[in-house]
Protein backbone atom coordinates (compact mmCIF):
# COMPACT_ATOMS: atom_id res chain seq x y z
CA MET A 1 75.79 48.79 -81.40
CA ALA A 2 72.54 48.91 -78.81
CA LYS A 3 71.63 52.19 -77.19
CA LYS A 4 70.97 51.40 -73.71
CA LEU A 5 67.58 53.83 -72.68
CA LYS A 6 67.70 56.08 -69.25
CA SER A 7 67.43 54.50 -66.55
CA GLU A 8 63.45 56.84 -65.49
CA PRO A 9 61.22 55.54 -62.42
CA ASP A 10 59.35 53.40 -65.37
CA SER A 11 61.62 52.09 -67.71
CA LEU A 12 62.74 49.28 -68.71
CA ASN A 13 66.21 48.93 -69.18
CA VAL A 14 64.92 47.19 -72.66
CA GLU A 15 68.07 47.70 -75.11
CA VAL A 16 66.66 50.04 -78.43
CA THR A 17 68.58 48.71 -81.75
CA ASN A 18 66.26 50.53 -83.73
CA PRO A 19 65.49 53.56 -82.66
CA LYS A 20 62.50 55.07 -83.61
CA ILE A 21 61.96 59.09 -84.20
CA PHE A 22 57.18 60.43 -84.39
CA THR A 23 56.66 63.05 -86.21
CA VAL A 24 53.37 64.58 -84.64
CA ARG A 25 51.40 68.50 -84.93
CA LEU A 26 50.40 70.86 -82.11
CA ASP A 27 46.93 71.47 -82.77
CA SER A 28 45.90 75.04 -81.75
CA ARG A 29 45.16 74.66 -78.28
CA ASN A 30 49.18 73.18 -77.94
CA ARG A 31 47.94 69.62 -77.59
CA ILE A 32 49.46 66.43 -79.41
CA THR A 33 48.14 62.48 -80.11
CA LEU A 34 51.00 60.48 -78.50
CA PRO A 35 51.47 57.64 -81.63
CA ARG A 36 50.38 53.92 -80.80
CA GLU A 37 53.72 52.72 -80.00
CA ILE A 38 54.60 55.43 -77.02
CA LEU A 39 51.37 54.69 -75.25
CA GLU A 40 52.06 50.90 -75.30
CA ARG A 41 55.40 51.01 -74.26
CA LYS A 42 55.69 53.34 -71.48
CA HIS A 43 52.94 52.19 -70.51
CA PHE A 44 50.50 55.11 -70.27
CA LYS A 45 47.07 55.29 -70.24
CA PRO A 46 44.30 57.90 -69.94
CA GLY A 47 44.21 59.51 -66.79
CA ASP A 48 47.72 58.99 -66.07
CA ASN A 49 49.82 61.99 -65.28
CA ILE A 50 52.95 62.57 -67.53
CA SER A 51 55.88 64.63 -66.34
CA PHE A 52 58.53 66.12 -69.83
CA GLN A 53 61.96 66.61 -69.28
CA ILE A 54 64.23 68.57 -71.03
CA THR A 55 68.03 67.45 -71.04
CA GLN A 56 71.35 69.70 -71.51
CA GLN A 57 71.03 68.45 -75.42
CA ASN A 58 67.32 69.93 -76.24
CA GLN A 59 66.01 66.27 -76.02
CA VAL A 60 62.46 65.39 -74.12
CA THR A 61 62.46 62.86 -71.96
CA LEU A 62 58.36 61.95 -70.68
CA ILE A 63 58.45 60.59 -67.60
CA HIS A 64 55.23 58.07 -65.94
CA VAL A 65 54.26 60.06 -62.67
CA ASP A 66 53.48 57.16 -60.59
CA ARG A 67 51.86 58.72 -57.43
CA PRO A 68 51.38 55.49 -55.55
CA ILE A 69 48.94 56.97 -53.02
CA LEU A 70 46.33 57.47 -55.57
CA ASN A 71 46.15 54.03 -55.85
CA LEU A 72 45.12 53.99 -51.71
CA SER A 73 42.42 55.71 -53.10
CA GLY A 74 38.96 54.66 -50.81
CA ALA A 75 40.88 51.80 -49.06
CA GLY A 76 38.33 52.59 -46.31
CA THR A 77 35.76 52.91 -47.83
CA GLY A 78 33.04 51.09 -44.89
CA PHE A 79 36.53 50.82 -42.40
CA PHE A 80 33.73 53.60 -40.30
CA GLU A 81 30.71 52.14 -41.31
CA ASN A 82 30.20 51.98 -37.46
CA PHE A 83 31.87 54.96 -36.24
CA ASP A 84 29.98 57.23 -33.63
CA LEU A 85 31.92 59.95 -33.34
CA ALA A 86 30.13 62.09 -29.88
CA LYS A 87 30.73 58.20 -28.36
CA GLU A 88 33.84 58.19 -29.28
CA ARG A 89 35.08 61.87 -27.92
CA GLU A 90 32.68 61.40 -24.82
CA PHE A 91 34.89 58.17 -24.27
CA SER A 92 37.88 60.03 -25.05
CA TRP A 93 37.74 63.68 -23.39
CA PRO A 94 34.82 62.76 -20.12
CA ASP A 95 34.21 65.65 -18.26
């Protein structure tokens, strides 16, 4: 019987027929390297934020933290190129 993945923000609700266990080693600075298959399946990229959740069964779940506000960074570049703040202040708040 296939086991369904728990629904997560980035989960695709796929069925896992052969769950895999990956073993990694902590380095001296408490870091791990995620196996390529996990990176590909979860669509993790360098610089992504990942949360770790510990379930009541003491299982650790990786959650891809999506920050859509960061996708807007730089979206307004050039929008206010000819903006004159002093002129706008004078117009809005005349003496």
